[in-house]
Protein backbone atom coordinates (compact mmCIF):
# COMPACT_ATOMS: atom_id res chain seq x y z
CA MET A 1 107.07 99.12 78.34
CA THR A 2 106.67 102.83 78.14
CA SER A 3 105.66 104.09 74.71
CA THR A 4 109.53 105.24 74.00
CA TYR A 5 110.57 101.87 74.37
CA GLN A 6 107.82 100.18 72.22
CA ARG A 7 108.31 102.92 69.56
CA LEU A 8 112.22 102.09 69.62
CA LYS A 9 110.77 98.78 68.23
CA GLU A 10 108.71 99.29 66.24
CA GLU A 11 111.02 101.46 64.18
CA THR A 12 114.10 98.25 64.69
CA LEU A 13 111.38 96.59 62.81
CA ARG A 14 111.05 99.31 59.85
CA MET A 15 114.45 99.31 59.98
CA VAL A 16 115.04 95.59 59.14
CA SER A 17 112.08 95.70 57.13
CA GLY A 18 113.02 99.07 54.55
CA ALA A 19 116.81 97.20 54.62
CA PRO A 20 117.85 95.65 50.84
CA ASP A 21 117.05 91.77 50.76
CA GLN A 22 114.71 92.29 55.01
CA ARG A 23 118.02 91.09 56.68
CA LEU A 24 120.80 93.97 58.38
CA ARG A 25 123.95 93.52 60.60
CA PRO A 26 123.02 93.76 64.60
CA HIS A 27 125.98 96.55 64.61
CA ASP A 28 124.53 98.21 62.38
CA ALA A 29 121.03 98.26 63.22
CA VAL A 30 121.96 99.07 67.42
CA ARG A 31 124.65 102.23 66.13
CA THR A 32 122.72 103.69 63.33
CA LEU A 33 118.91 103.67 66.41
CA ALA A 34 120.53 104.61 68.86
CA HIS A 35 122.21 107.66 67.04
CA THR A 36 118.60 108.93 65.29
CA LEU A 37 116.66 107.95 69.16
CA GLY A 38 118.91 109.09 70.75
CA VAL A 39 118.93 106.58 73.48
CA SER A 40 121.77 103.99 74.25
CA THR A 41 122.93 101.21 72.43
CA GLN A 42 122.65 98.70 75.50
CA THR A 43 118.28 100.00 75.59
CA VAL A 44 119.51 99.55 72.30
CA ARG A 45 119.40 95.79 72.47
CA GLN A 46 117.38 94.78 74.42
CA ALA A 47 114.76 95.30 72.68
CA VAL A 48 116.49 93.58 69.79
CA ARG A 49 116.88 90.68 71.80
CA ASP A 50 112.70 90.74 73.12
CA LEU A 51 111.56 91.36 69.29
CA VAL A 52 114.13 87.74 69.43
CA ASP A 53 112.65 86.69 71.97
CA GLU A 54 108.55 87.13 70.74
CA GLY A 55 109.85 85.63 67.79
CA THR A 56 109.09 88.60 65.45
CA LEU A 57 113.24 88.75 64.85
CA VAL A 58 115.74 85.80 64.32
CA TYR A 59 118.88 86.21 63.71
CA THR A 60 120.50 85.08 60.92
CA TYR A 61 124.08 83.81 59.57
CA ARG A 62 125.94 84.02 55.76
CA ASP A 63 129.52 83.35 56.04
CA PRO A 64 131.27 84.94 58.00
CA THR A 65 128.35 87.95 58.84
CA SER A 66 125.58 87.65 61.50
CA PHE A 67 122.36 89.48 60.48
CA LEU A 68 118.45 90.29 61.72
CA GLU A 69 115.80 89.72 59.99
CA ARG A 70 111.58 89.08 60.12
CA SER A 71 111.01 85.48 60.79
CA GLU A 72 108.77 83.91 58.35
CA ARG A 73 105.99 83.90 61.63
CA SER A 74 106.02 87.68 61.69
CA LEU A 75 105.32 88.62 57.47
CA PRO A 76 101.73 88.39 56.62
CA ASP A 77 100.21 86.05 55.57
CA ARG A 78 100.57 85.71 51.10
CA PRO A 79 97.53 84.57 49.12
CA VAL A 80 98.47 81.32 46.87
CA GLY A 81 97.75 81.23 43.87
């Protein structure tokens, strides 16, 4: 994996984490990242797929829209109490 591709994955996570309610419409993320980083939308889509396959991001659905969110497994443990 190239450093540019790794940076793309990190930027994708940062964008989703910084979004309101920590969720983002996939199309918006792909379009913004491709434009900002100067890569193809196909490359961004592949990075998103990889992050979903790794369990870092998940797709969620709220009538009738899909969103990308951080998975519960990828969030840091919160102290109880």
